[in-house]
Amino acid sequence: MAKGKNILTTGDVARICNVAARTVSKWFDTGQLKGYRIPGSKDRRIPLEELIRFMKQHNMPLKGLSSGKVRVLIISSNKPTAQSMAEKIAASGQYELQLADNNFAAGLAVQRFNPHVLVIDLLAGQIDAVGICRSIRNDPELQTVKVIASTGRLSPSERQVLFQIGFDECIEQGAVEELTRAIEQAVAIVY
């Protein structure tokens, strides 16, 4: 599967599910696997989130989806903190990282980089962390993106508020091992 691909061909789906392309076409034609046809063509296209739903529904292993490195977008207006966090996370070699230092850059990066995980620095100013999280949660095409808040110390009630907003996890800033573990767990659940 190509990096950052949200729409899959029957060939892509066949490779992921370890079946023949003809089998994928049958699933599509019988309505079991939803998607659309290219206008003026018989070619079929399947959205990634539909494939994930289908695979979960049929208890199919999701390991075929995790090809390549996990893409992590770190959003922080504090460049030294973001760079330090990125270097520590990247040290394992398992992740492809990108940084965004403002809301506009974050929006562009989500569309172009197609991250699996967002890490949003709640301590940095000039970032609308709540707005970004809500935008991710309200976009049907981004439902598989996991959103992690990098914060200071929080009370249980403050953590609960962040979870209600839509954050998947809250990690104290500087706790890189805990952050790496949270990224691994977030991706393991979806992919």
Protein backbone atom coordinates (compact mmCIF):
# COMPACT_ATOMS: atom_id res chain seq x y z
CA MET A 1 0.00 0.00 0.00
CA ALA A 2 1.39 3.39 -0.95
CA LYS A 3 2.34 5.80 1.79
CA GLY A 4 -0.53 7.97 2.92
CA LYS A 5 -3.10 6.22 0.75
CA ASN A 6 -6.72 6.68 1.91
CA ILE A 7 -8.39 5.20 -1.19
CA LEU A 8 -7.41 1.69 -2.25
CA THR A 9 -7.69 -0.28 -5.47
CA THR A 10 -8.94 -3.87 -5.52
CA GLY A 11 -5.29 -4.91 -5.97
CA ASP A 12 -4.29 -3.00 -2.83
CA VAL A 13 -7.11 -4.63 -0.85
CA ALA A 14 -6.20 -8.07 -2.23
CA ARG A 15 -2.57 -7.68 -1.07
CA ILE A 16 -3.65 -6.46 2.38
CA CYS A 17 -6.19 -9.28 2.85
CA ASN A 18 -4.00 -11.91 1.16
CA VAL A 19 -6.71 -12.89 -1.34
CA ALA A 20 -7.14 -12.69 -5.11
CA ALA A 21 -8.30 -9.40 -6.66
CA ARG A 22 -11.30 -11.31 -8.03
CA THR A 23 -12.37 -12.09 -4.43
CA VAL A 24 -12.24 -8.39 -3.57
CA SER A 25 -14.35 -7.63 -6.66
CA LYS A 26 -16.97 -10.16 -5.46
CA TRP A 27 -17.06 -8.56 -2.01
CA PHE A 28 -17.56 -5.18 -3.68
CA ASP A 29 -20.19 -6.37 -6.18
CA THR A 30 -22.26 -8.10 -3.47
CA GLY A 31 -22.18 -4.97 -1.28
CA GLN A 32 -20.14 -6.54 1.53
CA LEU A 33 -17.28 -4.10 0.92
CA LYS A 34 -18.42 -0.55 0.21
CA GLY A 35 -16.74 1.84 -2.16
CA TYR A 36 -17.31 3.42 -5.55
CA ARG A 37 -16.53 2.95 -9.23
CA ILE A 38 -14.40 5.38 -11.22
CA PRO A 39 -16.77 7.26 -13.59
CA GLY A 40 -16.51 5.91 -17.13
CA SER A 41 -14.63 2.84 -15.93
CA LYS A 42 -15.26 -0.49 -14.24
CA ASP A 43 -12.44 0.15 -11.75
CA ARG A 44 -13.43 0.02 -8.10
CA ARG A 45 -12.08 2.12 -5.22
CA ILE A 46 -12.39 1.31 -1.52
CA PRO A 47 -11.85 3.91 1.23
CA LEU A 48 -9.35 2.78 3.89
CA GLU A 49 -11.82 3.27 6.74
CA GLU A 50 -14.32 1.00 4.92
CA LEU A 51 -11.67 -1.70 4.55
CA ILE A 52 -10.86 -1.46 8.27
CA ARG A 53 -14.57 -1.80 9.12
CA PHE A 54 -14.91 -4.80 6.80
CA MET A 55 -11.82 -6.52 8.18
CA LYS A 56 -12.94 -6.01 11.79
CA GLN A 57 -16.45 -7.24 10.97
CA HIS A 58 -15.02 -10.45 9.49
CA ASN A 59 -12.33 -10.91 12.17
CA MET A 60 -9.56 -10.57 9.61
CA PRO A 61 -6.05 -9.75 10.89
CA LEU A 62 -5.24 -6.07 10.46
CA LYS A 63 -1.47 -6.61 10.26
CA GLY A 64 -1.52 -6.21 6.47
CA LEU A 65 -2.46 -2.56 6.93
CA SER A 66 0.70 -1.60 8.76
CA SER A 67 3.12 -1.26 5.91
CA GLY A 68 5.99 1.14 6.24
CA LYS A 69 6.68 3.35 9.21
CA VAL A 70 4.12 4.82 11.55
CA ARG A 71 3.58 8.49 10.69
CA VAL A 72 3.57 10.83 13.69
CA LEU A 73 2.76 14.53 13.44
CA ILE A 74 3.93 16.67 16.36
CA ILE A 75 2.08 19.98 16.67
CA SER A 76 3.76 22.58 18.86
CA SER A 77 4.64 26.26 18.58
CA ASN A 78 7.62 25.58 20.86
CA LYS A 79 10.14 24.48 18.23
CA PRO A 80 12.95 23.35 20.61
CA THR A 81 10.53 21.17 22.60
CA ALA A 82 8.98 19.71 19.44
CA GLN A 83 12.39 19.04 17.88
CA SER A 84 13.66 17.36 21.05
CA MET A 85 10.52 15.20 21.26
CA ALA A 86 10.83 14.25 17.58
CA GLU A 87 14.51 13.29 17.91
CA LYS A 88 13.84 11.06 20.91
CA ILE A 89 10.86 9.34 19.25
CA ALA A 90 12.72 8.93 15.94
CA ALA A 91 15.68 7.25 17.65
CA SER A 92 13.95 3.86 17.44
CA GLY A 93 13.74 4.09 13.64
CA GLN A 94 10.10 2.94 13.66
CA TYR A 95 8.53 6.30 12.99
CA GLU A 96 8.33 8.88 10.26
CA LEU A 97 7.94 12.28 11.93
CA GLN A 98 6.83 15.69 10.84
CA LEU A 99 6.46 18.92 12.82
CA ALA A 100 3.88 21.70 12.55
CA ASP A 101 4.23 24.92 14.51
CA ASN A 102 0.84 26.56 13.93
CA ASN A 103 -2.79 25.66 13.22
CA PHE A 104 -2.53 26.24 9.47
CA ALA A 105 0.62 24.12 9.12
CA ALA A 106 -1.07 21.41 11.20
CA GLY A 107 -4.07 21.32 8.86
CA LEU A 108 -1.86 21.08 5.80
CA ALA A 109 0.27 18.37 7.38
CA VAL A 110 -2.77 16.28 8.31
CA GLN A 111 -3.93 16.37 4.68
CA ARG A 112 -0.54 15.83 3.03
CA PHE A 113 1.34 13.67 5.55
CA ASN A 114 -1.71 11.61 6.55
CA PRO A 115 -0.45 10.80 10.06
CA HIS A 116 -1.46 7.76 12.06
CA VAL A 117 -0.90 9.69 15.30
CA LEU A 118 -1.03 13.39 16.26
CA VAL A 119 0.86 14.61 19.31
CA ILE A 120 -0.41 18.05 20.27
CA ASP A 121 1.52 20.18 22.75
CA LEU A 122 -1.07 21.70 25.08
CA LEU A 123 1.56 23.79 26.89
CA ALA A 124 2.64 25.73 23.81
CA GLY A 125 0.78 28.89 22.99
CA GLN A 126 -0.67 29.74 19.59
CA ILE A 127 -2.00 26.21 19.00
CA ASP A 128 -5.73 25.55 19.18
CA ALA A 129 -5.34 21.99 20.46
CA VAL A 130 -9.03 21.58 21.28
CA GLY A 131 -10.06 22.89 17.85
CA ILE A 132 -7.62 20.58 16.08
CA CYS A 133 -8.80 17.57 18.07
CA ARG A 134 -12.46 18.36 17.41
CA SER A 135 -11.77 18.83 13.69
CA ILE A 136 -10.11 15.41 13.55
CA ARG A 137 -13.01 13.79 15.43
CA ASN A 138 -15.62 15.45 13.17
CA ASP A 139 -13.98 14.35 9.90
CA PRO A 140 -15.16 10.86 8.85
CA GLU A 141 -11.98 10.33 6.82
CA LEU A 142 -9.77 10.88 9.88
CA GLN A 143 -11.50 8.57 12.37
CA THR A 144 -8.51 6.23 12.60
CA VAL A 145 -6.09 9.05 13.55
CA LYS A 146 -5.11 8.84 17.22
CA VAL A 147 -4.69 12.13 19.08
CA ILE A 148 -2.33 12.36 22.06
CA ALA A 149 -2.08 15.43 24.29
CA SER A 150 1.36 16.40 25.56
CA THR A 151 0.60 18.22 28.81
CA GLY A 152 1.82 19.23 32.22
CA ARG A 153 0.56 17.47 35.34
CA LEU A 154 -3.19 17.01 35.20
CA SER A 155 -5.75 16.11 37.79
CA PRO A 156 -8.01 13.13 37.01
CA SER A 157 -10.89 15.51 36.24
CA GLU A 158 -8.72 17.54 33.82
CA ARG A 159 -7.67 14.33 32.06
CA GLN A 160 -11.33 13.29 31.83
CA VAL A 161 -12.21 16.59 30.14
CA LEU A 162 -9.54 15.99 27.50
CA PHE A 163 -10.86 12.46 26.89
CA GLN A 164 -14.38 13.85 26.50
CA ILE A 165 -13.12 16.36 23.92
CA GLY A 166 -11.70 13.46 21.90
CA PHE A 167 -8.08 12.98 22.92
CA ASP A 168 -7.06 9.32 23.04
CA GLU A 169 -4.28 9.77 25.59
CA CYS A 170 -2.65 12.44 27.80
CA ILE A 171 1.10 12.21 28.43
CA GLU A 172 3.20 14.51 30.59
CA GLN A 173 5.60 16.51 28.45
CA GLY A 174 9.10 15.07 28.59
CA ALA A 175 7.94 11.50 29.34
CA VAL A 176 9.26 10.20 26.02
CA GLU A 177 9.14 6.50 26.96
CA GLU A 178 5.51 6.89 28.01
CA LEU A 179 4.76 8.83 24.82
CA THR A 180 6.42 6.16 22.65
CA ARG A 181 4.42 3.47 24.45
CA ALA A 182 1.20 5.45 23.90
CA ILE A 183 1.99 5.81 20.18
CA GLU A 184 2.65 2.07 19.90
CA GLN A 185 -0.61 1.22 21.70
CA ALA A 186 -2.65 3.70 19.67
CA VAL A 187 -1.40 2.31 16.39
CA ALA A 188 -1.64 -1.34 17.49
CA ILE A 189 -5.36 -0.90 18.19
CA VAL A 190 -6.13 0.51 14.74
CA TYR A 191 -3.56 -1.10 12.47
